[in-house]
Amino acid sequence: MPVIKSAKKALRSSQKKRVFNLRRKRTMKDSIKVVESLVTNKKKDEAWEKLSLAYKAIDKATKKGILKKNTASRKKARLSKAIKNIQ
């Protein structure tokens, strides 16, 4: 446990940020899973509709530094490619 006053404050703020980051990460993962489940069930139109929500969640996570830029780009590309390959 921190002893110095500024370290205590830093600990409190990092705990608050952790909650927000975990929430944002969970939202992103859930939206990606929704799209992937629609792809496995071969529901192309619904998957295209949910793709924008997944993009939004990925972009927000990238903006806040939860994901790196190239990782976000790769995730978005793989999602759109999976939807395009539905027969």
C-alpha atoms as a PDB file:
ATOM      1  CA  MET A   1       0.000   0.000   0.000  1.00  0.00           C
ATOM      2  CA  PRO A   2       1.260   3.475  -0.784  1.00  0.00           C
ATOM      3  CA  VAL A   3       2.451   5.722   2.017  1.00  0.00           C
ATOM      4  CA  ILE A   4       2.974   9.000   0.172  1.00  0.00           C
ATOM      5  CA  LYS A   5      -0.073  11.176  -0.397  1.00  0.00           C
ATOM      6  CA  SER A   6       0.437  11.503  -4.163  1.00  0.00           C
ATOM      7  CA  ALA A   7       0.872   7.730  -4.487  1.00  0.00           C
ATOM      8  CA  LYS A   8      -2.430   7.196  -2.680  1.00  0.00           C
ATOM      9  CA  LYS A   9      -4.134   9.561  -5.103  1.00  0.00           C
ATOM     10  CA  ALA A  10      -2.513   7.816  -8.077  1.00  0.00           C
ATOM     11  CA  LEU A  11      -3.764   4.469  -6.786  1.00  0.00           C
ATOM     12  CA  ARG A  12      -7.331   5.783  -6.484  1.00  0.00           C
ATOM     13  CA  SER A  13      -7.308   7.239  -9.983  1.00  0.00           C
ATOM     14  CA  SER A  14      -5.809   4.105 -11.524  1.00  0.00           C
ATOM     15  CA  GLN A  15      -8.485   1.975  -9.859  1.00  0.00           C
ATOM     16  CA  LYS A  16     -11.191   4.202 -11.382  1.00  0.00           C
ATOM     17  CA  LYS A  17      -9.553   4.055 -14.795  1.00  0.00           C
ATOM     18  CA  ARG A  18      -9.272   0.281 -14.522  1.00  0.00           C
ATOM     19  CA  VAL A  19     -13.039  -0.028 -14.100  1.00  0.00           C
ATOM     20  CA  PHE A  20     -13.693   2.086 -17.191  1.00  0.00           C
ATOM     21  CA  ASN A  21     -11.090   0.218 -19.237  1.00  0.00           C
ATOM     22  CA  LEU A  22     -12.461  -3.183 -18.261  1.00  0.00           C
ATOM     23  CA  ARG A  23     -15.993  -2.054 -19.119  1.00  0.00           C
ATOM     24  CA  ARG A  24     -14.901  -0.760 -22.515  1.00  0.00           C
ATOM     25  CA  LYS A  25     -12.928  -3.941 -23.222  1.00  0.00           C
ATOM     26  CA  ARG A  26     -15.896  -6.144 -22.235  1.00  0.00           C
ATOM     27  CA  THR A  27     -18.228  -4.132 -24.498  1.00  0.00           C
ATOM     28  CA  MET A  28     -15.816  -4.552 -27.379  1.00  0.00           C
ATOM     29  CA  LYS A  29     -15.436  -8.292 -26.868  1.00  0.00           C
ATOM     30  CA  ASP A  30     -19.189  -8.794 -26.549  1.00  0.00           C
ATOM     31  CA  SER A  31     -19.916  -6.905 -29.774  1.00  0.00           C
ATOM     32  CA  ILE A  32     -17.262  -8.918 -31.619  1.00  0.00           C
ATOM     33  CA  LYS A  33     -18.744 -12.164 -30.307  1.00  0.00           C
ATOM     34  CA  VAL A  34     -22.201 -11.143 -31.510  1.00  0.00           C
ATOM     35  CA  VAL A  35     -20.898 -10.574 -35.028  1.00  0.00           C
ATOM     36  CA  GLU A  36     -18.930 -13.837 -34.993  1.00  0.00           C
ATOM     37  CA  SER A  37     -21.958 -15.816 -33.831  1.00  0.00           C
ATOM     38  CA  LEU A  38     -24.039 -14.318 -36.638  1.00  0.00           C
ATOM     39  CA  VAL A  39     -21.314 -15.294 -39.097  1.00  0.00           C
ATOM     40  CA  THR A  40     -21.299 -18.886 -37.860  1.00  0.00           C
ATOM     41  CA  ASN A  41     -25.098 -18.981 -38.194  1.00  0.00           C
ATOM     42  CA  LYS A  42     -24.746 -17.530 -41.726  1.00  0.00           C
ATOM     43  CA  LYS A  43     -26.945 -14.503 -41.080  1.00  0.00           C
ATOM     44  CA  LYS A  44     -25.242 -12.055 -43.394  1.00  0.00           C
ATOM     45  CA  ASP A  45     -27.655  -9.119 -43.227  1.00  0.00           C
ATOM     46  CA  GLU A  46     -27.829  -9.101 -39.433  1.00  0.00           C
ATOM     47  CA  ALA A  47     -24.052  -9.410 -39.214  1.00  0.00           C
ATOM     48  CA  TRP A  48     -23.605  -6.321 -41.435  1.00  0.00           C
ATOM     49  CA  GLU A  49     -25.926  -4.384 -39.120  1.00  0.00           C
ATOM     50  CA  LYS A  50     -24.036  -5.408 -35.989  1.00  0.00           C
ATOM     51  CA  LEU A  51     -20.666  -4.768 -37.624  1.00  0.00           C
ATOM     52  CA  SER A  52     -21.004  -1.014 -37.176  1.00  0.00           C
ATOM     53  CA  LEU A  53     -21.496  -1.487 -33.416  1.00  0.00           C
ATOM     54  CA  ALA A  54     -18.400  -3.674 -33.287  1.00  0.00           C
ATOM     55  CA  TYR A  55     -16.409  -1.061 -35.236  1.00  0.00           C
ATOM     56  CA  LYS A  56     -17.576   1.617 -32.834  1.00  0.00           C
ATOM     57  CA  ALA A  57     -16.516  -0.410 -29.786  1.00  0.00           C
ATOM     58  CA  ILE A  58     -13.126  -1.256 -31.324  1.00  0.00           C
ATOM     59  CA  ASP A  59     -12.490   2.374 -32.248  1.00  0.00           C
ATOM     60  CA  LYS A  60     -13.360   3.586 -28.760  1.00  0.00           C
ATOM     61  CA  ALA A  61     -11.035   1.011 -27.207  1.00  0.00           C
ATOM     62  CA  THR A  62      -8.266   2.142 -29.548  1.00  0.00           C
ATOM     63  CA  LYS A  63      -8.856   5.798 -28.757  1.00  0.00           C
ATOM     64  CA  LYS A  64      -8.504   5.146 -25.040  1.00  0.00           C
ATOM     65  CA  GLY A  65      -5.331   3.086 -25.492  1.00  0.00           C
ATOM     66  CA  ILE A  66      -6.813  -0.307 -24.648  1.00  0.00           C
ATOM     67  CA  LEU A  67      -5.886  -1.629 -28.092  1.00  0.00           C
ATOM     68  CA  LYS A  68      -3.090  -0.639 -30.409  1.00  0.00           C
ATOM     69  CA  LYS A  69      -3.964   0.853 -33.767  1.00  0.00           C
ATOM     70  CA  ASN A  70      -2.812  -2.105 -35.863  1.00  0.00           C
ATOM     71  CA  THR A  71      -4.569  -4.611 -33.602  1.00  0.00           C
ATOM     72  CA  ALA A  72      -7.818  -2.704 -34.015  1.00  0.00           C
ATOM     73  CA  SER A  73      -7.346  -2.552 -37.769  1.00  0.00           C
ATOM     74  CA  ARG A  74      -6.688  -6.299 -37.902  1.00  0.00           C
ATOM     75  CA  LYS A  75      -9.790  -7.108 -35.846  1.00  0.00           C
ATOM     76  CA  LYS A  76     -11.998  -4.939 -38.065  1.00  0.00           C
ATOM     77  CA  ALA A  77     -10.547  -6.433 -41.244  1.00  0.00           C
ATOM     78  CA  ARG A  78     -11.074  -9.988 -40.054  1.00  0.00           C
ATOM     79  CA  LEU A  79     -14.668  -9.290 -39.068  1.00  0.00           C
ATOM     80  CA  SER A  80     -15.559  -7.748 -42.409  1.00  0.00           C
ATOM     81  CA  LYS A  81     -13.746 -10.516 -44.287  1.00  0.00           C
ATOM     82  CA  ALA A  82     -15.650 -13.178 -42.350  1.00  0.00           C
ATOM     83  CA  ILE A  83     -18.958 -11.547 -43.256  1.00  0.00           C
ATOM     84  CA  LYS A  84     -17.998 -11.233 -46.924  1.00  0.00           C
ATOM     85  CA  ASN A  85     -17.144 -14.950 -47.073  1.00  0.00           C
ATOM     86  CA  ILE A  86     -20.632 -16.030 -46.003  1.00  0.00           C
ATOM     87  CA  GLN A  87     -22.263 -17.923 -48.872  1.00  0.00           C
END
